[in-house]
Each structure stands twice: as structure tokens, then as C-alpha cells.
């Protein structure tokens, strides 16, 4: 039972720390680095402040070598092609001090 509570708290605490932003327009997807596809960045039309990261929030990191990252890239490519706005959730910083995309929301109206 104690292990269950610990796991629940660990998962819940990481989901709560996500900082959801207002709806923004994604304008560029940048792939760089090694063949693994682990270093992918999304650029939004507007910059926003980031908490605790040394970079300014222009490039938002996506871990493209994960299943979640693949879904995020697909969603963002769809939003770019359809000229839609998305609401990103940002949490933490990568090894270069850039903010990390934790979640993303898209709707039909924006």
C-alpha cells in the first residue's frame, strides 16, 4: 500500500507542475542532433516567460525519441498545416537550459 501511495504521489506531483500556457501559434519544428531524433524543438509565434530555465523560451524541447514525443510532433505538424493554435504545457528544462514540452492541447476553434 505504501508503494502505491508513493507512486501515485510521484505521478500526481509531476502532472501538477506543468505550466499550461495560453493558446499560441506553432510556426516551426526543428530537428537536430543525432539520428535518434531525440532533439526536436517547437517554435511558437510568440515567446513566453519560462520559470527556472536559462534559455528564453524561443525553442521548446520535445523528446522525439519517445512515443509521447512522436504524438506531440504529429499534433504540432497538424496544427502548423491547419494554421491552428495550441496550448502547450511546459515543465522543466533540458540539458541546454531550454524548456520542455510536457503536454499539448489543440481545439477546433483556434
C-alpha atoms as a PDB file:
ATOM      1  CA  UNK A   1       0.000   0.000   0.000  1.00  0.00           C
ATOM      2  CA  UNK A   2       2.826   2.413   0.801  1.00  0.00           C
ATOM      3  CA  UNK A   3       4.417   1.784  -2.599  1.00  0.00           C
ATOM      4  CA  UNK A   4       1.104   2.563  -4.298  1.00  0.00           C
ATOM      5  CA  UNK A   5       0.788   5.867  -2.439  1.00  0.00           C
ATOM      6  CA  UNK A   6       4.383   6.808  -3.278  1.00  0.00           C
ATOM      7  CA  UNK A   7       3.890   6.062  -6.991  1.00  0.00           C
ATOM      8  CA  UNK A   8       0.584   7.942  -7.004  1.00  0.00           C
ATOM      9  CA  UNK A   9       2.175  10.992  -5.386  1.00  0.00           C
ATOM     10  CA  UNK A  10       5.140  10.906  -7.752  1.00  0.00           C
ATOM     11  CA  UNK A  11       2.898  10.783 -10.824  1.00  0.00           C
ATOM     12  CA  UNK A  12       0.470  13.361  -9.456  1.00  0.00           C
ATOM     13  CA  UNK A  13       3.205  15.792  -8.473  1.00  0.00           C
ATOM     14  CA  UNK A  14       4.757  15.752 -11.957  1.00  0.00           C
ATOM     15  CA  UNK A  15       1.409  16.317 -13.640  1.00  0.00           C
ATOM     16  CA  UNK A  16       0.605  19.233 -11.339  1.00  0.00           C
ATOM     17  CA  UNK A  17       3.879  21.048 -12.029  1.00  0.00           C
ATOM     18  CA  UNK A  18       3.082  21.520 -15.712  1.00  0.00           C
ATOM     19  CA  UNK A  19       2.648  25.185 -16.571  1.00  0.00           C
ATOM     20  CA  UNK A  20      -0.127  25.438 -19.175  1.00  0.00           C
ATOM     21  CA  UNK A  21       0.211  28.445 -21.456  1.00  0.00           C
ATOM     22  CA  UNK A  22      -2.475  30.321 -23.363  1.00  0.00           C
ATOM     23  CA  UNK A  23      -3.170  29.308 -26.968  1.00  0.00           C
ATOM     24  CA  UNK A  24      -0.233  30.060 -29.257  1.00  0.00           C
ATOM     25  CA  UNK A  25       0.510  29.529 -32.924  1.00  0.00           C
ATOM     26  CA  UNK A  26       3.258  26.983 -33.661  1.00  0.00           C
ATOM     27  CA  UNK A  27       5.316  28.198 -36.609  1.00  0.00           C
ATOM     28  CA  UNK A  28       8.404  25.989 -36.866  1.00  0.00           C
ATOM     29  CA  UNK A  29       9.534  22.487 -35.967  1.00  0.00           C
ATOM     30  CA  UNK A  30      13.297  21.997 -35.732  1.00  0.00           C
ATOM     31  CA  UNK A  31      15.008  18.595 -35.851  1.00  0.00           C
ATOM     32  CA  UNK A  32      18.699  18.496 -34.958  1.00  0.00           C
ATOM     33  CA  UNK A  33      21.302  16.320 -33.342  1.00  0.00           C
ATOM     34  CA  UNK A  34      21.872  12.622 -33.775  1.00  0.00           C
ATOM     35  CA  UNK A  35      19.911  10.078 -35.790  1.00  0.00           C
ATOM     36  CA  UNK A  36      17.876   9.080 -32.728  1.00  0.00           C
ATOM     37  CA  UNK A  37      15.581  12.095 -33.181  1.00  0.00           C
ATOM     38  CA  UNK A  38      15.847  12.923 -29.510  1.00  0.00           C
ATOM     39  CA  UNK A  39      16.462  16.632 -30.002  1.00  0.00           C
ATOM     40  CA  UNK A  40      13.390  18.281 -31.527  1.00  0.00           C
ATOM     41  CA  UNK A  41      12.213  21.833 -30.861  1.00  0.00           C
ATOM     42  CA  UNK A  42       8.969  23.679 -31.478  1.00  0.00           C
ATOM     43  CA  UNK A  43       8.948  27.428 -32.060  1.00  0.00           C
ATOM     44  CA  UNK A  44       5.833  29.490 -31.386  1.00  0.00           C
ATOM     45  CA  UNK A  45       4.966  32.846 -32.950  1.00  0.00           C
ATOM     46  CA  UNK A  46       5.071  34.448 -29.503  1.00  0.00           C
ATOM     47  CA  UNK A  47       7.704  33.942 -26.825  1.00  0.00           C
ATOM     48  CA  UNK A  48       6.623  33.445 -23.243  1.00  0.00           C
ATOM     49  CA  UNK A  49       8.485  33.533 -19.951  1.00  0.00           C
ATOM     50  CA  UNK A  50       9.831  30.278 -18.583  1.00  0.00           C
ATOM     51  CA  UNK A  51      10.448  29.517 -14.946  1.00  0.00           C
ATOM     52  CA  UNK A  52      13.907  28.353 -13.970  1.00  0.00           C
ATOM     53  CA  UNK A  53      15.352  27.708 -17.453  1.00  0.00           C
ATOM     54  CA  UNK A  54      18.426  29.578 -18.626  1.00  0.00           C
ATOM     55  CA  UNK A  55      17.063  29.968 -22.185  1.00  0.00           C
ATOM     56  CA  UNK A  56      14.296  32.403 -23.092  1.00  0.00           C
ATOM     57  CA  UNK A  57      11.582  30.025 -24.292  1.00  0.00           C
ATOM     58  CA  UNK A  58      12.063  30.555 -28.019  1.00  0.00           C
ATOM     59  CA  UNK A  59      12.877  26.864 -28.570  1.00  0.00           C
ATOM     60  CA  UNK A  60      10.745  24.383 -26.636  1.00  0.00           C
ATOM     61  CA  UNK A  61      12.220  20.864 -26.372  1.00  0.00           C
ATOM     62  CA  UNK A  62      10.370  17.750 -27.485  1.00  0.00           C
ATOM     63  CA  UNK A  63      11.927  14.340 -26.845  1.00  0.00           C
ATOM     64  CA  UNK A  64      11.265  12.940 -30.301  1.00  0.00           C
ATOM     65  CA  UNK A  65      12.702   9.520 -29.484  1.00  0.00           C
ATOM     66  CA  UNK A  66       9.751   8.706 -27.186  1.00  0.00           C
ATOM     67  CA  UNK A  67       6.218   7.639 -28.078  1.00  0.00           C
ATOM     68  CA  UNK A  68       4.853  10.744 -26.364  1.00  0.00           C
ATOM     69  CA  UNK A  69       7.256  12.900 -28.366  1.00  0.00           C
ATOM     70  CA  UNK A  70       6.090  11.282 -31.604  1.00  0.00           C
ATOM     71  CA  UNK A  71       2.470  12.120 -30.729  1.00  0.00           C
ATOM     72  CA  UNK A  72       3.415  15.685 -29.854  1.00  0.00           C
ATOM     73  CA  UNK A  73       5.294  16.141 -33.139  1.00  0.00           C
ATOM     74  CA  UNK A  74       2.349  14.744 -35.094  1.00  0.00           C
ATOM     75  CA  UNK A  75      -0.088  17.053 -33.316  1.00  0.00           C
ATOM     76  CA  UNK A  76       2.131  20.076 -33.866  1.00  0.00           C
ATOM     77  CA  UNK A  77       2.624  19.297 -37.554  1.00  0.00           C
ATOM     78  CA  UNK A  78      -1.158  19.061 -37.899  1.00  0.00           C
ATOM     79  CA  UNK A  79      -1.584  22.401 -36.120  1.00  0.00           C
ATOM     80  CA  UNK A  80       1.032  24.067 -38.331  1.00  0.00           C
ATOM     81  CA  UNK A  81      -0.530  22.688 -41.529  1.00  0.00           C
ATOM     82  CA  UNK A  82      -4.063  23.675 -40.446  1.00  0.00           C
ATOM     83  CA  UNK A  83      -2.954  27.059 -39.067  1.00  0.00           C
ATOM     84  CA  UNK A  84      -4.352  26.196 -35.619  1.00  0.00           C
ATOM     85  CA  UNK A  85      -3.294  27.431 -32.204  1.00  0.00           C
ATOM     86  CA  UNK A  86      -2.285  25.063 -29.406  1.00  0.00           C
ATOM     87  CA  UNK A  87      -1.946  25.352 -25.650  1.00  0.00           C
ATOM     88  CA  UNK A  88       1.399  23.905 -24.534  1.00  0.00           C
ATOM     89  CA  UNK A  89       2.211  22.638 -21.041  1.00  0.00           C
ATOM     90  CA  UNK A  90       5.811  23.372 -20.089  1.00  0.00           C
ATOM     91  CA  UNK A  91       7.722  21.698 -17.283  1.00  0.00           C
ATOM     92  CA  UNK A  92      11.423  21.576 -16.515  1.00  0.00           C
ATOM     93  CA  UNK A  93      14.481  22.294 -18.625  1.00  0.00           C
ATOM     94  CA  UNK A  94      16.602  20.143 -20.905  1.00  0.00           C
ATOM     95  CA  UNK A  95      20.394  19.795 -20.780  1.00  0.00           C
ATOM     96  CA  UNK A  96      20.793  23.034 -22.776  1.00  0.00           C
ATOM     97  CA  UNK A  97      18.562  25.015 -20.420  1.00  0.00           C
ATOM     98  CA  UNK A  98      15.603  25.070 -22.770  1.00  0.00           C
ATOM     99  CA  UNK A  99      12.042  24.468 -21.533  1.00  0.00           C
ATOM    100  CA  UNK A 100      10.486  21.031 -22.147  1.00  0.00           C
ATOM    101  CA  UNK A 101       7.054  20.378 -23.662  1.00  0.00           C
ATOM    102  CA  UNK A 102       5.145  18.159 -21.261  1.00  0.00           C
ATOM    103  CA  UNK A 103       1.687  18.278 -22.837  1.00  0.00           C
ATOM    104  CA  UNK A 104      -0.259  19.927 -25.609  1.00  0.00           C
ATOM    105  CA  UNK A 105      -3.878  20.855 -26.193  1.00  0.00           C
ATOM    106  CA  UNK A 106      -5.485  21.657 -29.536  1.00  0.00           C
ATOM    107  CA  UNK A 107      -9.090  22.522 -30.280  1.00  0.00           C
ATOM    108  CA  UNK A 108     -11.165  23.007 -33.390  1.00  0.00           C
ATOM    109  CA  UNK A 109     -11.867  26.686 -32.839  1.00  0.00           C
ATOM    110  CA  UNK A 110      -8.427  28.235 -32.517  1.00  0.00           C
END
